[in-house]
Amino acid sequence: MFYHFGYSHISYDKSYISGLTMGLGGRLAFCLTPSVRLGGMGFNSGFTYESNSNGLGSYVNLKAGGITAEYLFTLSKHLRMSFGFLAGGGNLYHLDIISDNGSNKLVTYEKYSTFIVSPLSLFEFLFGKSYSIVLISNWIFGNKIIFGYSYGPCLHIGILFNK
């Protein structure tokens, strides 16, 4: 399991919305050779923002996942790094509060399906043969992230159990 955070700055309706993204994700990978890994990764990432009408509670949420491929480098007995990519799909949910008069809110709610691709870099700190602490950095791109193509960078930290 991975906890992640990042920053997103995306275009929406002739303006920009941004925020600190946070969420959870997971990953499963298998070594095909000592240097090549294939697997899968999924995550749920989002942020809240204050809309133009001073409406608190507007949000953007990306739920996505896909396959991963990596090239692995062993730097020492306890340190490995790899570079690769994630390719898959997901859904982007966007709720924008247009007006808020206290008891009633006028909102727009949109859901977009998107293809995503993301370059990955991983650093693994091995503790014996059983588990490792992993840092993953990536930048998420999609064919439809509201009106743009970039969701932004993320940093993931978590524990992997090794067999």
C-alpha atoms as a PDB file:
ATOM      1  CA  MET A   1       0.000   0.000   0.000  1.00  0.00           C
ATOM      2  CA  PHE A   2       1.218   3.486  -0.848  1.00  0.00           C
ATOM      3  CA  TYR A   3       0.339   6.907   0.467  1.00  0.00           C
ATOM      4  CA  HIS A   4       0.962   9.673  -2.030  1.00  0.00           C
ATOM      5  CA  PHE A   5       0.910  13.422  -2.315  1.00  0.00           C
ATOM      6  CA  GLY A   6       1.609  15.835  -5.124  1.00  0.00           C
ATOM      7  CA  TYR A   7       0.533  19.052  -6.755  1.00  0.00           C
ATOM      8  CA  SER A   8      -2.003  19.476  -9.520  1.00  0.00           C
ATOM      9  CA  HIS A   9      -2.542  22.594 -11.645  1.00  0.00           C
ATOM     10  CA  ILE A  10      -5.155  21.925 -14.328  1.00  0.00           C
ATOM     11  CA  SER A  11      -7.188  24.064 -16.697  1.00  0.00           C
ATOM     12  CA  TYR A  12     -10.935  24.339 -16.266  1.00  0.00           C
ATOM     13  CA  ASP A  13     -13.450  26.603 -17.976  1.00  0.00           C
ATOM     14  CA  LYS A  14     -10.963  29.326 -19.046  1.00  0.00           C
ATOM     15  CA  SER A  15      -9.321  29.360 -15.606  1.00  0.00           C
ATOM     16  CA  TYR A  16      -7.034  27.156 -13.562  1.00  0.00           C
ATOM     17  CA  ILE A  17      -7.617  25.134 -10.438  1.00  0.00           C
ATOM     18  CA  SER A  18      -4.855  23.739  -8.306  1.00  0.00           C
ATOM     19  CA  GLY A  19      -4.241  22.020  -5.041  1.00  0.00           C
ATOM     20  CA  LEU A  20      -2.214  19.581  -3.021  1.00  0.00           C
ATOM     21  CA  THR A  21      -3.235  16.091  -4.117  1.00  0.00           C
ATOM     22  CA  MET A  22      -3.335  13.199  -1.675  1.00  0.00           C
ATOM     23  CA  GLY A  23      -4.500   9.625  -1.816  1.00  0.00           C
ATOM     24  CA  LEU A  24      -3.832   5.905  -1.538  1.00  0.00           C
ATOM     25  CA  GLY A  25      -2.702   3.314  -4.013  1.00  0.00           C
ATOM     26  CA  GLY A  26      -1.259  -0.121  -4.456  1.00  0.00           C
ATOM     27  CA  ARG A  27       1.154  -2.004  -6.631  1.00  0.00           C
ATOM     28  CA  LEU A  28       1.992  -5.579  -7.633  1.00  0.00           C
ATOM     29  CA  ALA A  29       5.013  -6.486  -9.773  1.00  0.00           C
ATOM     30  CA  PHE A  30       6.873  -9.585 -10.953  1.00  0.00           C
ATOM     31  CA  CYS A  31      10.463  -9.870 -12.158  1.00  0.00           C
ATOM     32  CA  LEU A  32      10.689 -11.416 -15.629  1.00  0.00           C
ATOM     33  CA  THR A  33      14.474 -11.185 -15.599  1.00  0.00           C
ATOM     34  CA  PRO A  34      16.834  -9.764 -12.965  1.00  0.00           C
ATOM     35  CA  SER A  35      16.484  -6.361 -14.683  1.00  0.00           C
ATOM     36  CA  VAL A  36      12.903  -6.295 -16.047  1.00  0.00           C
ATOM     37  CA  ARG A  37       9.701  -6.042 -13.971  1.00  0.00           C
ATOM     38  CA  LEU A  38       6.071  -6.071 -15.130  1.00  0.00           C
ATOM     39  CA  GLY A  39       3.071  -5.444 -12.949  1.00  0.00           C
ATOM     40  CA  GLY A  40       0.153  -3.232 -12.148  1.00  0.00           C
ATOM     41  CA  MET A  41      -0.526  -0.106 -10.113  1.00  0.00           C
ATOM     42  CA  GLY A  42      -3.687   1.699  -9.076  1.00  0.00           C
ATOM     43  CA  PHE A  43      -4.496   4.796  -7.052  1.00  0.00           C
ATOM     44  CA  ASN A  44      -7.132   7.259  -5.952  1.00  0.00           C
ATOM     45  CA  SER A  45      -5.875  10.856  -5.870  1.00  0.00           C
ATOM     46  CA  GLY A  46      -7.664  14.127  -5.315  1.00  0.00           C
ATOM     47  CA  PHE A  47      -7.757  17.629  -3.929  1.00  0.00           C
ATOM     48  CA  THR A  48     -10.288  20.204  -2.783  1.00  0.00           C
ATOM     49  CA  TYR A  49     -10.280  23.868  -3.740  1.00  0.00           C
ATOM     50  CA  GLU A  50     -12.240  27.051  -3.239  1.00  0.00           C
ATOM     51  CA  SER A  51     -14.293  27.852  -6.332  1.00  0.00           C
ATOM     52  CA  ASN A  52     -14.653  31.329  -7.858  1.00  0.00           C
ATOM     53  CA  SER A  53     -17.912  31.824  -5.934  1.00  0.00           C
ATOM     54  CA  ASN A  54     -16.076  31.285  -2.607  1.00  0.00           C
ATOM     55  CA  GLY A  55     -17.763  27.905  -2.380  1.00  0.00           C
ATOM     56  CA  LEU A  56     -15.759  25.603  -0.148  1.00  0.00           C
ATOM     57  CA  GLY A  57     -15.913  21.906  -0.957  1.00  0.00           C
ATOM     58  CA  SER A  58     -15.238  21.856  -4.699  1.00  0.00           C
ATOM     59  CA  TYR A  59     -13.022  18.915  -5.600  1.00  0.00           C
ATOM     60  CA  VAL A  60     -11.194  16.975  -8.286  1.00  0.00           C
ATOM     61  CA  ASN A  61     -10.636  13.226  -7.875  1.00  0.00           C
ATOM     62  CA  LEU A  62      -8.736  10.851 -10.188  1.00  0.00           C
ATOM     63  CA  LYS A  63      -9.226   7.085  -9.821  1.00  0.00           C
ATOM     64  CA  ALA A  64      -6.901   5.245 -12.171  1.00  0.00           C
ATOM     65  CA  GLY A  65      -4.694   2.241 -12.716  1.00  0.00           C
ATOM     66  CA  GLY A  66      -2.878   0.226 -15.314  1.00  0.00           C
ATOM     67  CA  ILE A  67       0.089  -1.917 -16.204  1.00  0.00           C
ATOM     68  CA  THR A  68       3.666  -1.052 -15.332  1.00  0.00           C
ATOM     69  CA  ALA A  69       6.964  -1.949 -16.975  1.00  0.00           C
ATOM     70  CA  GLU A  70      10.331  -1.108 -15.428  1.00  0.00           C
ATOM     71  CA  TYR A  71      14.043  -1.568 -15.915  1.00  0.00           C
ATOM     72  CA  LEU A  72      15.708  -2.346 -12.588  1.00  0.00           C
ATOM     73  CA  PHE A  73      19.202  -1.363 -11.394  1.00  0.00           C
ATOM     74  CA  THR A  74      20.752  -2.911  -8.267  1.00  0.00           C
ATOM     75  CA  LEU A  75      22.962  -0.252  -6.671  1.00  0.00           C
ATOM     76  CA  SER A  76      23.934  -2.163  -3.529  1.00  0.00           C
ATOM     77  CA  LYS A  77      22.733  -5.014  -1.342  1.00  0.00           C
ATOM     78  CA  HIS A  78      20.074  -2.765   0.191  1.00  0.00           C
ATOM     79  CA  LEU A  79      19.318  -0.247  -2.554  1.00  0.00           C
ATOM     80  CA  ARG A  80      17.648  -0.654  -5.941  1.00  0.00           C
ATOM     81  CA  MET A  81      16.198   1.816  -8.379  1.00  0.00           C
ATOM     82  CA  SER A  82      14.135   1.414 -11.493  1.00  0.00           C
ATOM     83  CA  PHE A  83      12.714   3.510 -14.291  1.00  0.00           C
ATOM     84  CA  GLY A  84       9.625   2.714 -16.268  1.00  0.00           C
ATOM     85  CA  PHE A  85       6.081   3.734 -17.089  1.00  0.00           C
ATOM     86  CA  LEU A  86       2.457   3.176 -16.169  1.00  0.00           C
ATOM     87  CA  ALA A  87      -0.184   2.938 -18.914  1.00  0.00           C
ATOM     88  CA  GLY A  88      -3.874   2.453 -18.275  1.00  0.00           C
ATOM     89  CA  GLY A  89      -7.079   4.316 -17.699  1.00  0.00           C
ATOM     90  CA  GLY A  90      -9.254   5.906 -15.127  1.00  0.00           C
ATOM     91  CA  ASN A  91     -12.022   8.312 -14.291  1.00  0.00           C
ATOM     92  CA  LEU A  92     -11.717  11.937 -13.278  1.00  0.00           C
ATOM     93  CA  TYR A  93     -14.529  13.311 -11.090  1.00  0.00           C
ATOM     94  CA  HIS A  94     -15.016  17.054 -10.752  1.00  0.00           C
ATOM     95  CA  LEU A  95     -17.522  18.871  -8.529  1.00  0.00           C
ATOM     96  CA  ASP A  96     -17.500  22.672  -8.838  1.00  0.00           C
ATOM     97  CA  ILE A  97     -19.655  24.781  -6.527  1.00  0.00           C
ATOM     98  CA  ILE A  98     -21.062  27.617  -8.638  1.00  0.00           C
ATOM     99  CA  SER A  99     -22.996  29.374  -5.866  1.00  0.00           C
ATOM    100  CA  ASP A 100     -23.511  28.757  -2.166  1.00  0.00           C
ATOM    101  CA  ASN A 101     -26.121  30.730  -0.237  1.00  0.00           C
ATOM    102  CA  GLY A 102     -25.934  28.638   2.942  1.00  0.00           C
ATOM    103  CA  SER A 103     -28.895  26.311   2.625  1.00  0.00           C
ATOM    104  CA  ASN A 104     -28.717  25.694  -1.148  1.00  0.00           C
ATOM    105  CA  LYS A 105     -25.803  25.078  -3.448  1.00  0.00           C
ATOM    106  CA  LEU A 106     -25.684  25.203  -7.229  1.00  0.00           C
ATOM    107  CA  VAL A 107     -23.014  22.817  -8.504  1.00  0.00           C
ATOM    108  CA  THR A 108     -21.733  21.192 -11.668  1.00  0.00           C
ATOM    109  CA  TYR A 109     -20.638  17.577 -11.502  1.00  0.00           C
ATOM    110  CA  GLU A 110     -18.655  16.024 -14.314  1.00  0.00           C
ATOM    111  CA  LYS A 111     -17.098  12.616 -14.842  1.00  0.00           C
ATOM    112  CA  TYR A 112     -14.498  12.044 -17.541  1.00  0.00           C
ATOM    113  CA  SER A 113     -12.952   8.777 -18.663  1.00  0.00           C
ATOM    114  CA  THR A 114      -9.317   9.150 -19.581  1.00  0.00           C
ATOM    115  CA  PHE A 115      -6.382   7.132 -20.837  1.00  0.00           C
ATOM    116  CA  ILE A 116      -3.374   7.774 -18.604  1.00  0.00           C
ATOM    117  CA  VAL A 117       0.348   7.357 -19.026  1.00  0.00           C
ATOM    118  CA  SER A 118       2.959   8.177 -16.455  1.00  0.00           C
ATOM    119  CA  PRO A 119       6.753   7.922 -16.338  1.00  0.00           C
ATOM    120  CA  LEU A 120       7.923   6.283 -13.091  1.00  0.00           C
ATOM    121  CA  SER A 121      11.113   6.321 -11.059  1.00  0.00           C
ATOM    122  CA  LEU A 122      11.381   4.043  -8.025  1.00  0.00           C
ATOM    123  CA  PHE A 123      13.884   3.832  -5.181  1.00  0.00           C
ATOM    124  CA  GLU A 124      13.728   0.728  -2.998  1.00  0.00           C
ATOM    125  CA  PHE A 125      15.413   0.378   0.385  1.00  0.00           C
ATOM    126  CA  LEU A 126      15.567  -3.370   1.071  1.00  0.00           C
ATOM    127  CA  PHE A 127      15.280  -4.718   4.625  1.00  0.00           C
ATOM    128  CA  GLY A 128      16.183  -8.383   4.350  1.00  0.00           C
ATOM    129  CA  LYS A 129      14.432 -10.511   1.770  1.00  0.00           C
ATOM    130  CA  SER A 130      10.948  -9.928   3.141  1.00  0.00           C
ATOM    131  CA  TYR A 131      10.122  -6.273   2.575  1.00  0.00           C
ATOM    132  CA  SER A 132      11.312  -2.924   1.302  1.00  0.00           C
ATOM    133  CA  ILE A 133      10.380   0.706   1.713  1.00  0.00           C
ATOM    134  CA  VAL A 134       9.721   2.270  -1.676  1.00  0.00           C
ATOM    135  CA  LEU A 135       9.622   5.851  -2.958  1.00  0.00           C
ATOM    136  CA  ILE A 136       7.947   6.346  -6.337  1.00  0.00           C
ATOM    137  CA  SER A 137       7.859   9.602  -8.252  1.00  0.00           C
ATOM    138  CA  ASN A 138       5.691  10.071 -11.323  1.00  0.00           C
ATOM    139  CA  TRP A 139       3.900  12.654 -13.434  1.00  0.00           C
ATOM    140  CA  ILE A 140       0.408  11.745 -14.602  1.00  0.00           C
ATOM    141  CA  PHE A 141      -0.716  12.592 -18.139  1.00  0.00           C
ATOM    142  CA  GLY A 142      -4.096  11.809 -19.672  1.00  0.00           C
ATOM    143  CA  ASN A 143      -5.910  12.420 -22.913  1.00  0.00           C
ATOM    144  CA  LYS A 144      -8.698  14.190 -21.004  1.00  0.00           C
ATOM    145  CA  ILE A 145      -7.784  15.711 -17.650  1.00  0.00           C
ATOM    146  CA  ILE A 146     -10.589  18.290 -17.555  1.00  0.00           C
ATOM    147  CA  PHE A 147      -9.482  20.555 -20.454  1.00  0.00           C
ATOM    148  CA  GLY A 148      -5.762  19.718 -20.337  1.00  0.00           C
ATOM    149  CA  TYR A 149      -3.442  16.751 -20.532  1.00  0.00           C
ATOM    150  CA  SER A 150      -1.500  16.854 -17.245  1.00  0.00           C
ATOM    151  CA  TYR A 151      -2.737  16.005 -13.750  1.00  0.00           C
ATOM    152  CA  GLY A 152       0.637  16.715 -12.191  1.00  0.00           C
ATOM    153  CA  PRO A 153       3.490  15.170 -10.237  1.00  0.00           C
ATOM    154  CA  CYS A 154       3.110  12.746  -7.326  1.00  0.00           C
ATOM    155  CA  LEU A 155       5.422  11.197  -4.754  1.00  0.00           C
ATOM    156  CA  HIS A 156       4.376   7.814  -3.338  1.00  0.00           C
ATOM    157  CA  ILE A 157       5.800   6.157  -0.236  1.00  0.00           C
ATOM    158  CA  GLY A 158       4.968   2.667   0.906  1.00  0.00           C
ATOM    159  CA  ILE A 159       6.044  -0.833   1.817  1.00  0.00           C
ATOM    160  CA  LEU A 160       6.452  -3.699  -0.624  1.00  0.00           C
ATOM    161  CA  PHE A 161       6.465  -7.321   0.501  1.00  0.00           C
ATOM    162  CA  ASN A 162       8.953  -9.391  -1.466  1.00  0.00           C
ATOM    163  CA  LYS A 163       8.952 -13.103  -2.201  1.00  0.00           C
END
